[in-house]
C-alpha atoms as a PDB file:
ATOM      1  CA  MET A   1      22.595   4.783  31.461  1.00  0.00           C
ATOM      2  CA  THR A   2      20.500   2.474  33.577  1.00  0.00           C
ATOM      3  CA  ILE A   3      19.041  -0.814  32.455  1.00  0.00           C
ATOM      4  CA  LEU A   4      15.537   0.644  32.761  1.00  0.00           C
ATOM      5  CA  ALA A   5      16.432   3.527  30.457  1.00  0.00           C
ATOM      6  CA  LEU A   6      17.868   1.095  27.900  1.00  0.00           C
ATOM      7  CA  LEU A   7      14.736  -1.059  28.030  1.00  0.00           C
ATOM      8  CA  ILE A   8      12.563   2.011  27.456  1.00  0.00           C
ATOM      9  CA  ILE A   9      14.666   3.049  24.450  1.00  0.00           C
ATOM     10  CA  ILE A  10      14.531  -0.470  22.987  1.00  0.00           C
ATOM     11  CA  THR A  11      10.741  -0.569  23.448  1.00  0.00           C
ATOM     12  CA  ILE A  12      10.329   2.781  21.681  1.00  0.00           C
ATOM     13  CA  LEU A  13      12.548   1.654  18.796  1.00  0.00           C
ATOM     14  CA  ASN A  14      10.566  -1.580  18.416  1.00  0.00           C
ATOM     15  CA  MET A  15       7.300   0.398  18.332  1.00  0.00           C
ATOM     16  CA  ASN A  16       8.670   2.593  15.536  1.00  0.00           C
ATOM     17  CA  ILE A  17       9.697  -0.474  13.525  1.00  0.00           C
ATOM     18  CA  LYS A  18       6.207  -1.998  13.875  1.00  0.00           C
ATOM     19  CA  ILE A  19       4.576   1.270  12.808  1.00  0.00           C
ATOM     20  CA  LYS A  20       6.765   1.425   9.692  1.00  0.00           C
ATOM     21  CA  ARG A  21       5.941  -2.193   8.806  1.00  0.00           C
ATOM     22  CA  ASN A  22       2.223  -1.463   8.808  1.00  0.00           C
ATOM     23  CA  GLY A  23       2.319   0.447   5.550  1.00  0.00           C
ATOM     24  CA  LEU A  24      -0.268   2.548   3.844  1.00  0.00           C
ATOM     25  CA  LYS A  25      -2.910   0.593   1.950  1.00  0.00           C
ATOM     26  CA  LEU A  26      -3.635   1.575  -1.635  1.00  0.00           C
ATOM     27  CA  SER A  27      -7.294   1.822  -0.656  1.00  0.00           C
ATOM     28  CA  ASN A  28      -6.386   4.709   1.698  1.00  0.00           C
ATOM     29  CA  LEU A  29      -4.451   6.669  -0.911  1.00  0.00           C
ATOM     30  CA  LYS A  30      -6.355   9.780  -1.971  1.00  0.00           C
ATOM     31  CA  GLU A  31      -7.151  10.851  -5.526  1.00  0.00           C
ATOM     32  CA  LYS A  32      -4.312  12.429  -7.498  1.00  0.00           C
ATOM     33  CA  LYS A  33      -1.676  10.856  -5.226  1.00  0.00           C
ATOM     34  CA  GLU A  34       1.235   8.700  -6.312  1.00  0.00           C
ATOM     35  CA  ALA A  35       2.968   5.836  -4.547  1.00  0.00           C
ATOM     36  CA  ILE A  36       5.235   2.850  -5.033  1.00  0.00           C
ATOM     37  CA  ILE A  37       3.901  -0.641  -4.427  1.00  0.00           C
ATOM     38  CA  LYS A  38       5.682  -2.096  -1.427  1.00  0.00           C
ATOM     39  CA  GLU A  39       3.914  -5.414  -0.941  1.00  0.00           C
ATOM     40  CA  ILE A  40       0.940  -7.378  -2.224  1.00  0.00           C
ATOM     41  CA  LYS A  41      -0.792  -9.561   0.373  1.00  0.00           C
ATOM     42  CA  CYS A  42      -3.490 -11.698  -1.223  1.00  0.00           C
ATOM     43  CA  ASN A  43      -4.230 -15.167  -2.522  1.00  0.00           C
ATOM     44  CA  ASP A  44      -2.325 -16.488  -5.529  1.00  0.00           C
ATOM     45  CA  GLU A  45      -5.263 -16.135  -7.919  1.00  0.00           C
ATOM     46  CA  LEU A  46      -5.724 -12.416  -7.228  1.00  0.00           C
ATOM     47  CA  LYS A  47      -1.966 -11.863  -7.178  1.00  0.00           C
ATOM     48  CA  GLN A  48      -1.720 -13.417 -10.652  1.00  0.00           C
ATOM     49  CA  ARG A  49      -4.499 -11.095 -11.853  1.00  0.00           C
ATOM     50  CA  PHE A  50      -2.650  -8.100 -10.405  1.00  0.00           C
ATOM     51  CA  TYR A  51       0.566  -9.219 -12.101  1.00  0.00           C
ATOM     52  CA  SER A  52      -1.191  -9.474 -15.449  1.00  0.00           C
ATOM     53  CA  PHE A  53      -2.111  -5.774 -15.116  1.00  0.00           C
ATOM     54  CA  GLY A  54       1.416  -4.762 -14.110  1.00  0.00           C
ATOM     55  CA  ILE A  55       0.504  -4.329 -10.446  1.00  0.00           C
ATOM     56  CA  ILE A  56       3.781  -5.605  -9.035  1.00  0.00           C
ATOM     57  CA  LYS A  57       6.130  -4.765  -6.192  1.00  0.00           C
ATOM     58  CA  GLY A  58       8.175  -1.660  -6.998  1.00  0.00           C
ATOM     59  CA  ALA A  59       5.759  -0.296  -9.616  1.00  0.00           C
ATOM     60  CA  ASN A  60       4.692   3.357  -9.534  1.00  0.00           C
ATOM     61  CA  ILE A  61       0.971   3.732  -9.053  1.00  0.00           C
ATOM     62  CA  PHE A  62      -1.213   6.835  -9.401  1.00  0.00           C
ATOM     63  CA  VAL A  63      -4.787   7.074  -8.114  1.00  0.00           C
ATOM     64  CA  LYS A  64      -6.788   8.866 -10.802  1.00  0.00           C
ATOM     65  CA  GLU A  65     -10.303   8.535  -9.383  1.00  0.00           C
ATOM     66  CA  VAL A  66     -12.276   6.997  -6.555  1.00  0.00           C
ATOM     67  CA  SER A  67     -15.977   6.274  -7.096  1.00  0.00           C
ATOM     68  CA  LEU A  68     -18.608   8.269  -5.217  1.00  0.00           C
ATOM     69  CA  ARG A  69     -19.532   5.241  -3.131  1.00  0.00           C
ATOM     70  CA  ASN A  70     -15.853   4.556  -2.500  1.00  0.00           C
ATOM     71  CA  ASN A  71     -16.135   0.991  -3.795  1.00  0.00           C
ATOM     72  CA  THR A  72     -13.916   1.219  -6.886  1.00  0.00           C
ATOM     73  CA  MET A  73     -10.881   3.200  -7.889  1.00  0.00           C
ATOM     74  CA  VAL A  74      -9.150   3.951 -11.157  1.00  0.00           C
ATOM     75  CA  ILE A  75      -5.399   3.629 -10.964  1.00  0.00           C
ATOM     76  CA  ASP A  76      -2.661   4.300 -13.484  1.00  0.00           C
ATOM     77  CA  ILE A  77       0.229   1.846 -13.789  1.00  0.00           C
ATOM     78  CA  GLU A  78       2.812   2.591 -16.493  1.00  0.00           C
ATOM     79  CA  ASN A  79       0.299   4.677 -18.506  1.00  0.00           C
ATOM     80  CA  THR A  80      -2.389   1.985 -18.286  1.00  0.00           C
ATOM     81  CA  GLU A  81      -5.647   2.797 -16.510  1.00  0.00           C
ATOM     82  CA  ILE A  82      -7.143  -0.018 -14.448  1.00  0.00           C
ATOM     83  CA  ALA A  83     -10.303  -0.066 -12.328  1.00  0.00           C
ATOM     84  CA  ILE A  84     -10.086  -2.207  -9.204  1.00  0.00           C
ATOM     85  CA  ARG A  85     -12.344  -2.767  -6.223  1.00  0.00           C
ATOM     86  CA  VAL A  86     -11.398  -0.968  -3.033  1.00  0.00           C
ATOM     87  CA  GLU A  87     -11.503  -4.328  -1.208  1.00  0.00           C
ATOM     88  CA  GLU A  88      -8.767  -5.527  -3.593  1.00  0.00           C
ATOM     89  CA  ALA A  89      -6.789  -2.315  -3.108  1.00  0.00           C
ATOM     90  CA  GLU A  90      -6.770  -2.995   0.642  1.00  0.00           C
ATOM     91  CA  GLN A  91      -4.425  -5.908  -0.045  1.00  0.00           C
ATOM     92  CA  ILE A  92      -1.755  -3.700  -1.630  1.00  0.00           C
ATOM     93  CA  GLU A  93       0.693  -1.835   0.619  1.00  0.00           C
ATOM     94  CA  VAL A  94       2.298   1.295  -0.794  1.00  0.00           C
ATOM     95  CA  ASP A  95       4.757   4.022   0.124  1.00  0.00           C
ATOM     96  CA  LYS A  96       3.792   7.582  -0.810  1.00  0.00           C
ATOM     97  CA  ILE A  97       6.100   9.421  -3.181  1.00  0.00           C
END
Protein backbone atom coordinates (compact mmCIF):
# COMPACT_ATOMS: atom_id res chain seq x y z
CA MET A 1 0.00 0.00 0.00
CA THR A 2 1.35 3.41 -0.87
CA ILE A 3 1.82 6.27 1.54
CA LEU A 4 -0.89 8.23 -0.27
CA ALA A 5 -3.38 5.40 0.17
CA LEU A 6 -2.55 5.20 3.89
CA LEU A 7 -3.02 8.95 4.30
CA ILE A 8 -6.41 8.75 2.59
CA ILE A 9 -7.50 5.91 4.88
CA ILE A 10 -6.32 7.80 7.98
CA THR A 11 -8.19 10.93 6.84
CA ILE A 12 -11.41 8.95 6.32
CA LEU A 13 -11.09 7.31 9.74
CA ASN A 14 -10.53 10.69 11.41
CA MET A 15 -13.63 12.09 9.67
CA ASN A 16 -15.72 9.19 11.00
CA ILE A 17 -14.44 9.78 14.54
CA LYS A 18 -15.36 13.49 14.35
CA ILE A 19 -18.83 12.66 13.04
CA LYS A 20 -19.42 10.25 15.93
CA ARG A 21 -18.25 12.84 18.47
CA ASN A 22 -20.83 15.34 17.26
CA GLY A 23 -23.74 13.52 18.84
CA LEU A 24 -27.44 14.00 18.48
CA LYS A 25 -28.87 16.86 20.52
CA LEU A 26 -31.89 16.17 22.70
CA SER A 27 -33.60 19.10 20.98
CA ASN A 28 -33.45 17.14 17.68
CA LEU A 29 -34.97 13.97 19.11
CA LYS A 30 -38.50 13.44 17.82
CA GLU A 31 -41.60 12.76 19.91
CA LYS A 32 -42.00 9.22 21.24
CA LYS A 33 -38.27 8.50 20.85
CA GLU A 34 -35.93 7.26 23.55
CA ALA A 35 -32.24 7.91 24.10
CA ILE A 36 -29.44 7.78 26.64
CA ILE A 37 -27.81 10.99 27.80
CA LYS A 38 -24.23 11.02 26.58
CA GLU A 39 -23.01 14.45 27.65
CA ILE A 40 -24.29 17.69 29.13
CA LYS A 41 -22.54 20.83 27.88
CA CYS A 42 -23.73 23.90 29.76
CA ASN A 43 -22.84 26.27 32.57
CA ASP A 44 -22.65 24.96 36.13
CA GLU A 45 -25.91 26.61 37.22
CA LEU A 46 -27.98 24.93 34.50
CA LYS A 47 -26.11 21.65 34.97
CA GLN A 48 -27.01 21.70 38.67
CA ARG A 49 -30.66 22.30 37.75
CA PHE A 50 -30.55 19.37 35.32
CA TYR A 51 -28.99 17.17 38.00
CA SER A 52 -31.74 18.05 40.45
CA PHE A 53 -34.27 16.68 37.93
CA GLY A 54 -32.26 13.50 37.33
CA ILE A 55 -30.98 14.67 33.94
CA ILE A 56 -27.54 13.11 34.23
CA LYS A 57 -25.08 11.31 31.99
CA GLY A 58 -26.19 7.73 31.35
CA ALA A 59 -29.86 8.33 32.18
CA ASN A 60 -32.59 7.05 29.85
CA ILE A 61 -34.69 9.85 28.45
CA PHE A 62 -37.98 9.69 26.54
CA VAL A 63 -39.46 12.61 24.60
CA LYS A 64 -43.19 12.62 25.33
CA GLU A 65 -44.22 15.86 23.62
CA VAL A 66 -42.86 18.85 21.77
CA SER A 67 -44.87 22.09 21.81
CA LEU A 68 -46.51 23.36 18.62
CA ARG A 69 -44.07 26.26 18.43
CA ASN A 70 -41.19 23.88 19.09
CA ASN A 71 -39.98 25.94 22.05
CA THR A 72 -40.57 23.46 24.89
CA MET A 73 -40.56 19.72 25.25
CA VAL A 74 -41.85 17.29 27.83
CA ILE A 75 -39.38 14.56 28.67
CA ASP A 76 -39.62 11.53 30.91
CA ILE A 77 -36.67 10.63 33.14
CA GLU A 78 -37.15 7.64 35.46
CA ASN A 79 -40.97 8.01 35.38
CA THR A 80 -40.80 11.74 36.11
CA GLU A 81 -42.16 14.18 33.53
CA ILE A 82 -40.20 17.40 33.11
CA ALA A 83 -40.80 20.32 30.75
CA ILE A 84 -37.65 22.01 29.48
CA ARG A 85 -36.94 24.69 26.91
CA VAL A 86 -35.66 23.50 23.55
CA GLU A 87 -32.70 25.90 23.93
CA GLU A 88 -31.76 23.99 27.10
CA ALA A 89 -32.24 20.65 25.36
CA GLU A 90 -29.72 21.75 22.72
CA GLN A 91 -27.03 21.48 25.40
CA ILE A 92 -27.69 17.78 26.03
CA GLU A 93 -26.11 15.19 23.71
CA VAL A 94 -27.83 11.82 23.46
CA ASP A 95 -27.51 8.47 21.74
CA LYS A 96 -30.69 6.96 20.30
CA ILE A 97 -31.78 3.61 21.69
